[in-house]
Protein backbone atom coordinates (compact mmCIF):
# COMPACT_ATOMS: atom_id res chain seq x y z
CA MET A 1 -33.42 -7.96 1.11
CA GLY A 2 -31.49 -9.20 4.17
CA ASP A 3 -33.35 -12.56 4.09
CA ASN A 4 -32.53 -13.01 0.43
CA LYS A 5 -28.84 -12.44 1.14
CA SER A 6 -28.75 -14.98 3.94
CA ALA A 7 -30.53 -17.47 1.68
CA GLN A 8 -27.67 -17.13 -0.80
CA GLN A 9 -24.89 -17.17 1.81
CA PRO A 10 -25.28 -19.83 4.50
CA ASP A 11 -24.71 -18.55 8.01
CA VAL A 12 -21.03 -18.95 8.96
CA ASN A 13 -21.88 -20.11 12.48
CA GLU A 14 -24.11 -22.76 10.97
CA GLN A 15 -21.29 -23.92 8.70
CA ILE A 16 -18.89 -24.11 11.66
CA LYS A 17 -21.44 -26.22 13.56
CA VAL A 18 -21.67 -28.60 10.58
CA ARG A 19 -17.86 -28.90 10.46
CA MET A 20 -17.72 -29.67 14.19
CA GLU A 21 -20.28 -32.44 13.67
CA LYS A 22 -18.27 -33.89 10.79
CA LEU A 23 -15.20 -33.95 13.03
CA LYS A 24 -17.13 -35.71 15.79
CA ASN A 25 -18.40 -38.33 13.35
CA LEU A 26 -14.85 -38.98 12.16
CA GLN A 27 -13.62 -39.26 15.75
CA ASP A 28 -16.47 -41.63 16.65
CA ALA A 29 -15.52 -43.78 13.66
CA GLY A 30 -11.89 -43.91 14.87
CA LYS A 31 -10.65 -41.58 12.11
CA ASP A 32 -9.60 -38.55 14.17
CA PRO A 33 -7.31 -36.52 11.88
CA PHE A 34 -5.75 -34.76 14.86
CA GLN A 35 -4.20 -38.03 16.04
CA ILE A 36 -2.00 -38.21 12.93
CA THR A 37 1.47 -36.97 13.82
CA LYS A 38 3.28 -36.93 10.45
CA TYR A 39 2.99 -37.55 6.74
CA ASP A 40 5.66 -38.59 4.26
CA VAL A 41 5.83 -35.84 1.63
CA THR A 42 8.07 -36.79 -1.30
CA HIS A 43 7.48 -33.81 -3.59
CA HIS A 44 6.13 -30.26 -3.65
CA THR A 45 3.72 -29.20 -6.39
CA ASP A 46 6.36 -27.39 -8.48
CA GLU A 47 8.59 -30.49 -8.44
CA ILE A 48 5.66 -32.71 -9.51
CA ARG A 49 5.15 -30.54 -12.60
CA ALA A 50 8.85 -30.39 -13.43
CA ILE A 51 9.51 -34.15 -13.18
CA TYR A 52 6.42 -35.00 -15.21
CA GLU A 53 7.35 -32.57 -17.99
CA ALA A 54 10.86 -34.03 -18.11
CA HIS A 55 9.41 -37.56 -18.19
CA GLU A 56 7.06 -36.59 -21.03
CA LYS A 57 9.93 -35.15 -23.01
CA GLU A 58 11.81 -38.40 -22.58
CA LEU A 59 8.93 -40.72 -23.58
CA LEU A 60 6.98 -38.54 -26.01
CA GLY A 61 9.64 -36.10 -27.13
CA ASP A 62 9.57 -36.85 -30.85
CA ARG A 63 5.86 -37.69 -31.08
CA PRO A 64 4.14 -35.30 -33.51
CA ALA A 65 1.04 -33.36 -32.47
CA VAL A 66 -2.27 -34.83 -33.66
CA ASN A 67 -3.22 -33.68 -37.17
CA THR A 68 -6.94 -32.88 -37.59
CA GLU A 69 -6.68 -31.18 -40.96
CA GLY A 70 -9.56 -32.01 -43.31
CA LEU A 71 -11.58 -33.79 -40.57
CA ASP A 72 -15.06 -32.80 -39.54
CA GLU A 73 -15.78 -31.87 -35.92
CA GLN A 74 -16.73 -35.39 -34.82
CA GLN A 75 -13.70 -36.99 -36.51
CA ALA A 76 -11.37 -34.33 -35.13
CA ARG A 77 -12.68 -34.97 -31.62
CA GLU A 78 -12.17 -38.72 -32.03
CA ALA A 79 -8.63 -38.22 -33.39
CA VAL A 80 -7.74 -35.98 -30.43
CA THR A 81 -9.20 -38.50 -27.97
CA ALA A 82 -7.35 -41.40 -29.60
CA ASP A 83 -4.09 -39.45 -29.51
CA TYR A 84 -4.66 -38.55 -25.84
CA ASN A 85 -5.38 -42.20 -24.95
CA GLU A 86 -2.22 -43.38 -26.73
CA ARG A 87 -0.12 -40.78 -24.92
CA ARG A 88 -1.71 -41.73 -21.59
CA ALA A 89 -1.02 -45.42 -22.23
CA ILE A 90 2.67 -44.73 -22.93
CA MET A 91 3.03 -42.50 -19.85
CA ASP A 92 0.95 -44.71 -17.52
CA ALA A 93 3.08 -47.72 -18.46
CA SER A 94 5.97 -46.15 -16.55
CA PRO A 95 4.22 -44.11 -13.86
CA ILE A 96 5.86 -41.65 -11.49
CA ASN A 97 4.49 -42.09 -7.99
CA VAL A 98 4.40 -39.10 -5.66
CA SER A 99 3.12 -38.17 -2.25
CA PHE A 100 2.24 -34.54 -1.53
CA ALA A 101 0.21 -32.64 1.03
CA GLY A 102 -1.52 -29.31 1.47
CA ARG A 103 -4.75 -27.44 1.96
CA MET A 104 -7.77 -28.15 -0.23
CA MET A 105 -8.79 -24.91 -1.93
CA PHE A 106 -11.37 -26.24 -4.40
CA LYS A 107 -13.49 -29.37 -4.81
CA ARG A 108 -15.79 -30.59 -7.56
CA VAL A 109 -17.68 -33.82 -6.92
CA MET A 110 -18.99 -35.64 -10.01
CA GLY A 111 -20.56 -38.95 -8.99
CA LYS A 112 -17.90 -41.66 -8.89
CA ALA A 113 -14.99 -39.27 -9.47
CA SER A 114 -14.02 -35.82 -8.22
CA PHE A 115 -11.38 -33.17 -8.73
CA CYS A 116 -9.85 -31.09 -5.99
CA ASN A 117 -7.12 -28.49 -5.82
CA ILE A 118 -4.40 -28.76 -3.18
CA ALA A 119 -2.17 -25.80 -2.21
CA ASP A 120 1.25 -26.29 -0.66
CA LEU A 121 4.25 -24.00 -0.10
CA LYS A 122 5.20 -24.02 -3.77
CA GLY A 123 1.84 -23.65 -5.50
CA ARG A 124 -1.32 -25.57 -6.35
CA MET A 125 -1.93 -28.98 -7.89
CA GLN A 126 -5.06 -30.68 -9.10
CA ALA A 127 -5.82 -34.14 -7.78
CA TYR A 128 -8.22 -36.65 -9.38
CA ILE A 129 -10.06 -38.65 -6.76
CA SER A 130 -12.02 -41.68 -7.98
CA ARG A 131 -14.09 -44.13 -5.97
CA ASP A 132 -12.59 -47.11 -7.80
CA ALA A 133 -9.01 -46.04 -7.01
CA ILE A 134 -9.33 -45.12 -3.32
CA GLY A 135 -12.21 -47.31 -2.26
CA GLU A 136 -15.85 -46.77 -1.39
CA GLU A 137 -15.44 -45.75 2.27
CA ALA A 138 -12.56 -43.32 1.67
CA TYR A 139 -14.48 -41.78 -1.23
CA ALA A 140 -17.61 -41.31 0.90
CA ASP A 141 -15.46 -39.56 3.53
CA PHE A 142 -13.82 -37.37 0.89
CA LYS A 143 -17.24 -36.25 -0.39
CA LYS A 144 -17.97 -34.91 3.10
CA SER A 145 -14.69 -32.95 3.27
CA ASP A 146 -14.60 -29.13 3.33
CA ILE A 147 -12.60 -26.40 1.67
CA GLY A 148 -9.68 -25.67 4.00
CA ASP A 149 -9.15 -29.28 5.08
CA ILE A 150 -5.53 -30.48 4.87
CA PHE A 151 -4.90 -33.68 2.93
CA GLY A 152 -2.03 -35.98 2.11
CA ILE A 153 -2.36 -37.54 -1.35
CA LYS A 154 -0.44 -40.49 -2.81
CA GLY A 155 -0.74 -41.41 -6.45
CA PHE A 156 0.77 -41.15 -9.92
CA ILE A 157 1.11 -38.09 -12.12
CA PHE A 158 -0.83 -37.73 -15.37
CA ARG A 159 -2.00 -35.00 -17.72
CA THR A 160 -5.75 -34.49 -18.10
CA LYS A 161 -7.46 -34.20 -21.45
CA THR A 162 -7.51 -30.41 -21.04
CA GLY A 163 -3.74 -30.47 -20.58
CA GLU A 164 -3.45 -29.96 -16.82
CA ILE A 165 -0.77 -31.92 -14.97
CA SER A 166 -2.55 -33.64 -12.07
CA VAL A 167 -2.12 -36.44 -9.55
CA HIS A 168 -4.32 -39.53 -9.84
CA ALA A 169 -4.95 -40.35 -6.18
CA GLU A 170 -4.54 -43.94 -5.01
CA GLU A 171 -4.70 -43.11 -1.32
CA ILE A 172 -5.83 -39.96 0.47
CA THR A 173 -5.43 -39.06 4.14
CA LEU A 174 -7.22 -36.29 6.01
CA LEU A 175 -4.41 -34.72 8.08
CA SER A 176 -6.29 -31.82 9.66
CA LYS A 177 -9.93 -30.78 9.73
CA SER A 178 -10.53 -27.07 9.14
CA LEU A 179 -13.15 -25.89 11.63
CA GLN A 180 -13.22 -22.28 10.38
CA VAL A 181 -14.72 -21.13 7.08
CA LEU A 182 -12.23 -19.53 4.71
CA PRO A 183 -13.49 -16.28 3.15
CA GLU A 184 -14.59 -16.37 -0.49
CA LYS A 185 -12.12 -13.64 -1.36
CA PHE A 186 -9.56 -11.94 0.82
CA HIS A 187 -8.54 -9.16 -1.56
CA GLY A 188 -9.38 -5.50 -1.75
CA ILE A 189 -9.01 -2.39 0.35
CA THR A 190 -12.02 -3.23 2.53
CA ASP A 191 -10.22 -6.29 3.83
CA THR A 192 -6.71 -4.91 4.37
CA ASP A 193 -7.20 -4.54 8.11
CA MET A 194 -8.35 -8.15 8.41
CA ARG A 195 -5.55 -9.30 6.10
CA TYR A 196 -2.92 -7.80 8.43
CA ARG A 197 -4.63 -9.11 11.59
CA GLN A 198 -5.10 -12.63 10.20
CA ARG A 199 -1.97 -12.94 8.08
CA TYR A 200 -2.31 -16.74 8.12
CA VAL A 201 -5.59 -16.44 6.15
CA ASP A 202 -4.01 -13.83 3.86
CA LEU A 203 -1.15 -16.24 3.05
CA ILE A 204 -3.63 -19.02 2.27
CA MET A 205 -5.89 -16.91 0.04
CA ASN A 206 -3.37 -14.70 -1.80
CA PRO A 207 -0.39 -16.45 -3.40
CA GLU A 208 1.23 -13.10 -4.28
CA VAL A 209 1.40 -12.23 -0.56
CA LYS A 210 3.29 -15.46 0.11
CA GLU A 211 5.62 -14.54 -2.78
CA THR A 212 6.43 -11.17 -1.12
CA PHE A 213 7.52 -12.88 2.10
CA VAL A 214 9.52 -15.55 0.27
CA LYS A 215 11.30 -12.63 -1.45
CA ARG A 216 11.85 -10.88 1.88
CA SER A 217 13.60 -13.96 3.22
CA LYS A 218 15.75 -14.12 0.09
CA ILE A 219 16.73 -10.43 0.42
CA ILE A 220 18.02 -11.01 3.96
CA LYS A 221 19.84 -14.17 2.84
CA GLU A 222 21.52 -12.26 0.00
CA ILE A 223 22.56 -9.38 2.30
CA ARG A 224 24.28 -11.93 4.53
CA LYS A 225 25.91 -13.60 1.52
CA PHE A 226 27.15 -10.24 0.17
CA LEU A 227 28.62 -9.17 3.52
CA ASP A 228 30.12 -12.60 4.09
CA GLY A 229 31.92 -12.16 0.75
CA ARG A 230 33.46 -8.97 2.17
CA ASP A 231 34.63 -10.63 5.39
CA PHE A 232 32.01 -9.12 7.70
CA MET A 233 31.11 -10.92 10.89
CA GLU A 234 27.50 -11.10 12.07
CA VAL A 235 26.99 -10.26 15.75
CA GLU A 236 24.12 -9.74 18.21
CA THR A 237 23.82 -6.88 20.68
CA PRO A 238 21.35 -6.11 23.53
CA THR A 239 17.77 -5.05 22.82
CA LEU A 240 17.15 -3.95 26.43
CA VAL A 241 19.39 -0.99 27.23
CA SER A 242 19.73 1.66 29.93
CA ASN A 243 20.55 4.37 27.36
CA ALA A 244 18.84 4.14 23.96
CA GLY A 245 21.18 6.01 21.62
CA GLY A 246 22.43 6.01 18.05
CA ALA A 247 19.41 7.69 16.44
CA ALA A 248 16.94 10.54 16.83
CA ALA A 249 13.86 8.75 18.12
CA ARG A 250 11.70 8.37 21.22
CA PRO A 251 12.24 4.99 22.91
CA PHE A 252 9.81 2.55 24.48
CA GLU A 253 10.36 2.13 28.20
CA THR A 254 9.92 -0.96 30.32
CA HIS A 255 10.88 -2.24 33.77
CA TYR A 256 13.35 -4.97 34.68
CA ASN A 257 11.92 -6.59 37.83
CA ALA A 258 14.98 -8.59 38.93
CA LEU A 259 17.19 -5.48 39.01
CA ASP A 260 14.33 -3.09 39.87
CA GLU A 261 15.53 -0.81 37.07
CA ASP A 262 13.78 1.00 34.25
CA VAL A 263 15.24 0.06 30.86
CA LYS A 264 14.51 1.04 27.29
CA LEU A 265 14.15 -0.91 24.07
CA ARG A 266 16.95 -0.07 21.66
CA ILE A 267 16.29 2.46 18.88
CA SER A 268 19.40 1.58 16.88
CA LEU A 269 22.35 -0.85 16.85
CA GLU A 270 25.10 1.74 16.54
CA LEU A 271 26.75 2.28 19.90
CA TYR A 272 27.28 -1.41 20.70
CA LEU A 273 28.61 -2.21 17.23
CA LYS A 274 31.15 0.64 17.50
CA ARG A 275 32.31 -0.81 20.84
CA LEU A 276 33.13 -3.99 18.89
CA ILE A 277 35.19 -1.98 16.38
CA VAL A 278 37.11 -0.63 19.40
CA GLY A 279 37.54 -4.26 20.49
CA GLY A 280 39.30 -5.01 17.19
CA LEU A 281 36.59 -6.94 15.29
CA GLU A 282 37.16 -4.62 12.25
CA ARG A 283 34.08 -5.58 10.18
CA VAL A 284 30.81 -6.26 11.99
CA TYR A 285 27.11 -6.13 11.18
CA GLU A 286 23.78 -6.93 12.80
CA ILE A 287 20.33 -7.43 11.33
CA GLY A 288 17.99 -6.83 14.23
CA ARG A 289 14.70 -5.47 15.48
CA VAL A 290 14.67 -1.93 16.79
CA TYR A 291 11.82 -0.07 18.47
CA ARG A 292 10.78 3.55 18.08
CA ASN A 293 7.87 4.99 19.99
CA GLU A 294 6.31 6.86 17.09
CA GLY A 295 3.29 6.80 14.81
CA VAL A 296 2.35 4.24 12.20
CA ASP A 297 2.09 5.20 8.53
CA THR A 298 2.82 3.62 5.14
CA ARG A 299 6.57 3.70 5.80
CA HIS A 300 6.80 3.48 9.60
CA ASN A 301 6.03 0.70 12.08
CA PRO A 302 7.07 1.05 15.74
CA GLU A 303 9.16 -2.12 15.56
CA PHE A 304 11.16 -2.72 12.42
CA THR A 305 14.28 -4.47 11.17
CA LEU A 306 17.51 -2.54 10.84
CA MET A 307 20.79 -3.59 9.26
CA GLU A 308 23.85 -1.76 10.54
CA LEU A 309 27.44 -2.45 9.60
CA TYR A 310 30.78 -0.92 10.59
CA GLN A 311 34.09 -1.28 8.80
CA ALA A 312 37.40 -0.12 10.27
CA TYR A 313 39.95 1.81 8.20
CA THR A 314 37.50 3.24 5.69
CA ASP A 315 35.29 6.33 5.38
CA TYR A 316 31.95 7.36 3.91
CA GLU A 317 33.37 7.10 0.37
CA GLY A 318 34.07 3.41 1.03
CA MET A 319 30.55 3.07 2.40
CA MET A 320 29.09 4.61 -0.78
CA GLU A 321 30.84 1.98 -2.89
CA LEU A 322 29.64 -0.81 -0.58
CA THR A 323 26.04 0.49 -0.55
CA GLU A 324 25.83 0.87 -4.31
CA SER A 325 27.33 -2.60 -4.87
CA MET A 326 25.01 -4.19 -2.32
CA PHE A 327 21.81 -2.63 -3.73
CA ARG A 328 22.84 -3.67 -7.25
CA HIS A 329 23.61 -7.21 -6.04
CA LEU A 330 20.19 -7.48 -4.33
CA ALA A 331 18.33 -6.30 -7.45
CA GLU A 332 20.20 -8.80 -9.64
CA THR A 333 19.84 -11.81 -7.33
CA VAL A 334 16.32 -11.20 -5.99
CA CYS A 335 14.59 -9.43 -8.91
CA GLY A 336 16.76 -10.81 -11.72
CA THR A 337 17.37 -7.31 -13.11
CA THR A 338 18.88 -3.98 -12.06
CA LYS A 339 15.90 -2.15 -13.61
CA ILE A 340 13.06 -2.47 -11.14
CA THR A 341 9.60 -0.93 -11.20
CA TYR A 342 7.94 0.69 -8.21
CA ASN A 343 4.33 1.79 -8.60
CA GLY A 344 4.77 2.07 -12.37
CA THR A 345 8.05 4.06 -12.19
CA GLU A 346 11.21 2.43 -13.52
CA ILE A 347 14.19 2.73 -11.18
CA ASP A 348 17.63 1.90 -12.55
CA LEU A 349 20.00 0.40 -9.97
CA GLY A 350 22.48 -0.55 -12.71
CA LYS A 351 23.74 2.95 -13.49
CA PRO A 352 26.22 4.72 -11.19
CA PHE A 353 24.23 6.41 -8.40
CA ARG A 354 24.13 10.21 -8.55
CA ARG A 355 26.09 12.09 -5.85
CA LEU A 356 24.95 15.48 -4.59
CA THR A 357 25.80 17.47 -1.46
CA MET A 358 22.81 18.52 0.64
CA ASN A 359 23.53 22.20 -0.03
CA ASP A 360 23.82 21.60 -3.80
CA ALA A 361 20.52 19.71 -3.75
CA ILE A 362 18.84 22.67 -2.01
CA LYS A 363 20.47 25.03 -4.53
CA GLU A 364 19.11 22.87 -7.38
CA TYR A 365 15.56 22.38 -6.11
CA ALA A 366 14.92 25.45 -3.92
CA GLY A 367 17.22 28.01 -5.48
CA VAL A 368 18.89 28.83 -2.13
CA ASP A 369 22.65 28.61 -1.50
CA PHE A 370 23.21 27.91 2.20
CA ASP A 371 26.99 28.08 1.73
CA THR A 372 26.55 31.87 1.53
CA ILE A 373 24.37 32.08 4.67
CA LYS A 374 26.49 32.55 7.76
CA THR A 375 24.24 32.85 10.82
CA ASP A 376 21.32 31.05 12.45
CA GLU A 377 19.34 34.31 12.26
CA GLU A 378 19.78 34.60 8.49
CA ALA A 379 18.68 30.96 8.08
CA LYS A 380 15.58 31.48 10.25
CA ALA A 381 14.63 34.64 8.31
CA LEU A 382 14.87 32.64 5.10
CA ALA A 383 12.67 29.87 6.56
CA LYS A 384 10.04 32.44 7.56
CA GLU A 385 10.13 33.92 4.09
CA ARG A 386 9.51 30.48 2.54
CA GLY A 387 6.83 29.53 5.08
CA ILE A 388 8.88 26.70 6.59
CA GLU A 389 8.01 26.01 10.24
CA PHE A 390 10.86 25.70 12.71
CA GLU A 391 11.40 25.73 16.47
CA GLU A 392 13.20 28.44 18.43
CA ARG A 393 16.04 26.10 19.40
CA HIS A 394 16.79 25.28 15.74
CA THR A 395 20.14 26.32 14.27
CA LYS A 396 21.20 26.93 10.67
CA GLY A 397 21.97 23.19 10.38
CA ASP A 398 18.43 22.24 11.41
CA ILE A 399 16.98 24.78 8.93
CA ILE A 400 19.09 23.31 6.10
CA ASN A 401 17.59 19.92 6.90
CA LEU A 402 14.05 21.36 6.89
CA PHE A 403 14.66 22.99 3.49
CA PHE A 404 15.99 19.69 2.16
CA GLU A 405 12.91 17.79 3.36
CA GLU A 406 10.56 20.43 1.93
CA TYR A 407 12.10 20.96 -1.51
CA CYS A 408 14.40 18.08 -2.41
CA GLU A 409 13.17 14.67 -1.21
CA GLU A 410 10.16 14.52 -3.56
CA ASN A 411 12.52 14.88 -6.57
CA LEU A 412 14.89 12.06 -5.66
CA ILE A 413 13.43 9.12 -7.60
CA GLN A 414 16.54 7.54 -9.13
CA PRO A 415 19.25 6.41 -6.67
CA THR A 416 21.00 9.51 -5.29
CA PHE A 417 23.58 9.87 -2.54
CA ILE A 418 22.93 13.10 -0.59
CA MET A 419 26.19 13.99 1.16
CA ASP A 420 27.82 16.37 3.63
CA HIS A 421 25.03 17.09 6.10
CA PRO A 422 25.10 19.91 8.68
CA LEU A 423 26.95 19.12 11.90
CA ALA A 424 23.87 20.06 13.99
CA ILE A 425 21.84 17.05 12.82
CA SER A 426 24.69 14.49 12.92
CA PRO A 427 25.90 13.97 16.51
CA LEU A 428 27.91 10.79 15.78
CA THR A 429 29.65 11.79 12.54
CA LYS A 430 33.15 13.05 11.72
CA LYS A 431 33.49 16.66 10.64
CA LYS A 432 34.70 17.38 7.12
CA PRO A 433 38.29 18.54 7.51
CA SER A 434 37.69 21.12 4.75
CA ASP A 435 34.48 22.52 6.30
CA PRO A 436 33.87 21.93 10.04
CA GLU A 437 30.19 23.03 9.78
CA LYS A 438 29.54 19.87 7.76
CA VAL A 439 30.09 16.17 8.40
CA GLU A 440 31.16 13.21 6.27
CA ARG A 441 27.76 11.63 6.00
CA PHE A 442 25.44 10.47 3.24
CA GLU A 443 21.87 9.29 2.90
CA LEU A 444 20.81 7.22 -0.10
CA PHE A 445 17.48 8.30 -1.57
CA ILE A 446 15.48 6.12 -3.97
CA ASN A 447 11.85 6.71 -4.93
CA THR A 448 11.84 9.85 -2.67
CA TRP A 449 12.58 7.65 0.38
CA GLU A 450 15.62 7.71 2.60
CA MET A 451 16.93 4.17 2.16
CA CYS A 452 20.14 4.34 4.10
CA ASN A 453 22.20 6.55 6.41
CA ALA A 454 26.01 6.34 6.55
CA TYR A 455 28.96 8.15 8.12
CA SER A 456 32.63 8.48 8.51
CA GLU A 457 32.21 7.66 12.19
CA LEU A 458 33.25 10.10 14.89
CA ASN A 459 36.16 8.58 16.82
CA ASP A 460 37.33 11.62 18.81
CA PRO A 461 36.10 11.10 22.43
CA ILE A 462 36.50 14.79 23.33
CA ASP A 463 34.45 15.98 20.34
CA GLN A 464 31.91 13.21 21.02
CA ARG A 465 31.49 14.34 24.64
CA GLU A 466 30.76 17.90 23.47
CA ARG A 467 28.17 16.67 20.97
CA PHE A 468 26.47 14.52 23.63
CA ALA A 469 26.38 17.59 25.90
CA GLN A 470 24.57 19.51 23.15
CA GLN A 471 22.10 16.59 22.80
CA ASP A 472 21.48 16.65 26.58
CA LYS A 473 20.76 20.38 26.29
CA ASN A 474 18.33 19.69 23.40
CA ALA A 475 16.53 17.15 25.59
CA GLU A 476 16.20 19.72 28.38
CA ASN A 477 14.70 22.12 25.82
CA GLY A 478 11.97 19.63 24.99
CA ASP A 479 13.49 17.50 22.20
CA GLU A 480 12.08 14.02 22.98
CA GLU A 481 14.23 12.46 20.26
CA ALA A 482 17.57 13.81 21.51
CA GLN A 483 20.31 11.38 22.50
CA HIS A 484 21.92 11.34 25.95
CA THR A 485 25.51 11.14 27.12
CA ASP A 486 26.63 7.51 27.19
CA GLU A 487 29.63 7.30 29.54
CA ASP A 488 30.58 3.73 28.69
CA PHE A 489 30.55 4.52 24.98
CA LEU A 490 32.79 7.56 25.62
CA ASN A 491 35.08 5.27 27.61
CA ALA A 492 35.26 2.91 24.61
CA LEU A 493 36.19 5.81 22.31
CA ALA A 494 38.85 6.88 24.82
CA VAL A 495 40.38 3.41 24.59
CA GLY A 496 40.68 4.19 20.88
CA MET A 497 38.58 3.52 17.77
CA PRO A 498 40.21 3.41 14.34
CA PRO A 499 38.86 5.54 11.47
CA THR A 500 35.62 3.71 10.59
CA GLY A 501 32.80 3.84 8.07
CA GLY A 502 29.28 2.80 9.07
CA ILE A 503 25.89 2.28 7.40
CA GLY A 504 22.39 1.72 8.71
CA TYR A 505 19.29 0.93 6.68
CA GLY A 506 15.78 -0.30 7.23
CA ILE A 507 15.24 -3.75 5.77
CA ASP A 508 11.46 -3.22 5.57
CA ARG A 509 11.70 -0.20 3.30
CA LEU A 510 14.19 -2.04 1.08
CA VAL A 511 11.78 -4.99 0.84
CA MET A 512 8.95 -2.58 -0.09
CA LEU A 513 11.09 -1.23 -2.94
CA LEU A 514 12.18 -4.63 -4.29
CA THR A 515 8.70 -6.20 -4.05
CA ASP A 516 6.75 -3.15 -5.29
CA SER A 517 4.71 -3.10 -2.06
CA PRO A 518 2.71 0.08 -1.29
CA ALA A 519 2.97 0.02 2.53
CA ILE A 520 5.33 -1.22 5.22
CA ARG A 521 2.53 -3.42 6.60
CA ASP A 522 2.60 -5.38 3.34
CA VAL A 523 6.17 -6.52 4.07
CA LEU A 524 5.79 -7.21 7.82
CA LEU A 525 4.25 -10.59 8.51
CA PHE A 526 2.60 -9.30 11.68
CA PRO A 527 2.45 -5.49 11.67
CA THR A 528 1.52 -3.51 14.78
CA MET A 529 -2.27 -3.14 14.95
CA LYS A 530 -4.55 -1.38 17.38
CA SER A 531 -6.37 -3.92 19.54
CA ILE A 532 -9.95 -4.66 18.58
CA ASP A 533 -12.20 -3.57 21.44
CA LYS A 534 -13.81 -6.65 22.88
């Protein structure tokens, strides 16, 4: 059985050896492709199609389709051929010459003429390679070429008899010899690991993967455009920090040799951006990598891209308006519609987003009203009753959050702002003047995921010091994700920060939503992977 299989599929090592020999022969003949330093590309494949269709419209626009009514099969075939030849003659009389380049994905040799398929950034294009047009020697070389080789092709555009727009090659240049064998197919669950490890092969084999990353780039471009329209300024802040604050997460640690100091990789962008608000920059944002020393799953990667923005003289209500407008803008510009589909579920970003306090959400989905529960003990008793696990150090605020995660998140498919979180889980947020147990905070949920976290920012340095002290205590009690007192940040707040609204959201999760991608690894070009044991 094994022998039979290897008879059908030539040994890859053998194929690589053959490719190496072909390269050596080319080099010996003075045709080393790796000595070529550039190639003049005039058009991409999508442009070639577009200009030819426009040219056809101009020259053949009012020409009627061939009429084969009442003809037998032979006559009909002859009429179609005659019509095709006449059209070709008209088009070939005023040819459009192009030069394009890309990777050969398919080749069919038929004696004196061959077809091949070339893939570039914008798509694929068929090329017709004939011995008479490119010359005997070049044609003999082409016949020895391999799938994966990169070619430059110069010629004129035409439409084949079967209707495919193609390029009739007049000159072809081998620009790079592929010494590895591309896989037959690179789809399917069995290959996902390899697809993530060798993203370059994935991009070559699967056009829809390339499309996802083109879209990702567009999403980031549109975020910048949207914020630019609202007078935000893009800034950059340190990634190596002595105190990794601004979020509940465990940091990565590293060592700075020149200063002989241990430093951490940032877990958020918050504390530096707020310093800039203190400095009077008023509207700032950063799109940057952050690092959290946690597990990998479909929605988490240890390094990911965060967008955080801060706007002086507004609050979380202002941030809700900005968030809703931005998400709607992204759906319209990137997806072309405010009704998107994720995993078969339609999500409407065009309608006003629902607004619900965290306690009201728990009341709706768990039937418990935490506004009537006064003490930590009562909250813990309720958690026990419902089988919700908690830690001894947890307070009523922590329990509220656990109830929310258990009962509410799975129901939040359509865009919903969850507001007014407990103080205990929001160390950097302003208290609600009407209820000091709660803070002016919201999280946007779409498709059961937390898409965004936003506050009316805490600008009282005395209150902030107390909250940091509580976080320090949590750390002493074993909370590895607790924040620590940041004296310089407290000094900045003491200088004076205006009332400010702030938002943070993960770009990767947003890209997953807008590209209908099942896992975060599908939207990261090079996701974190465990090393293959050598």
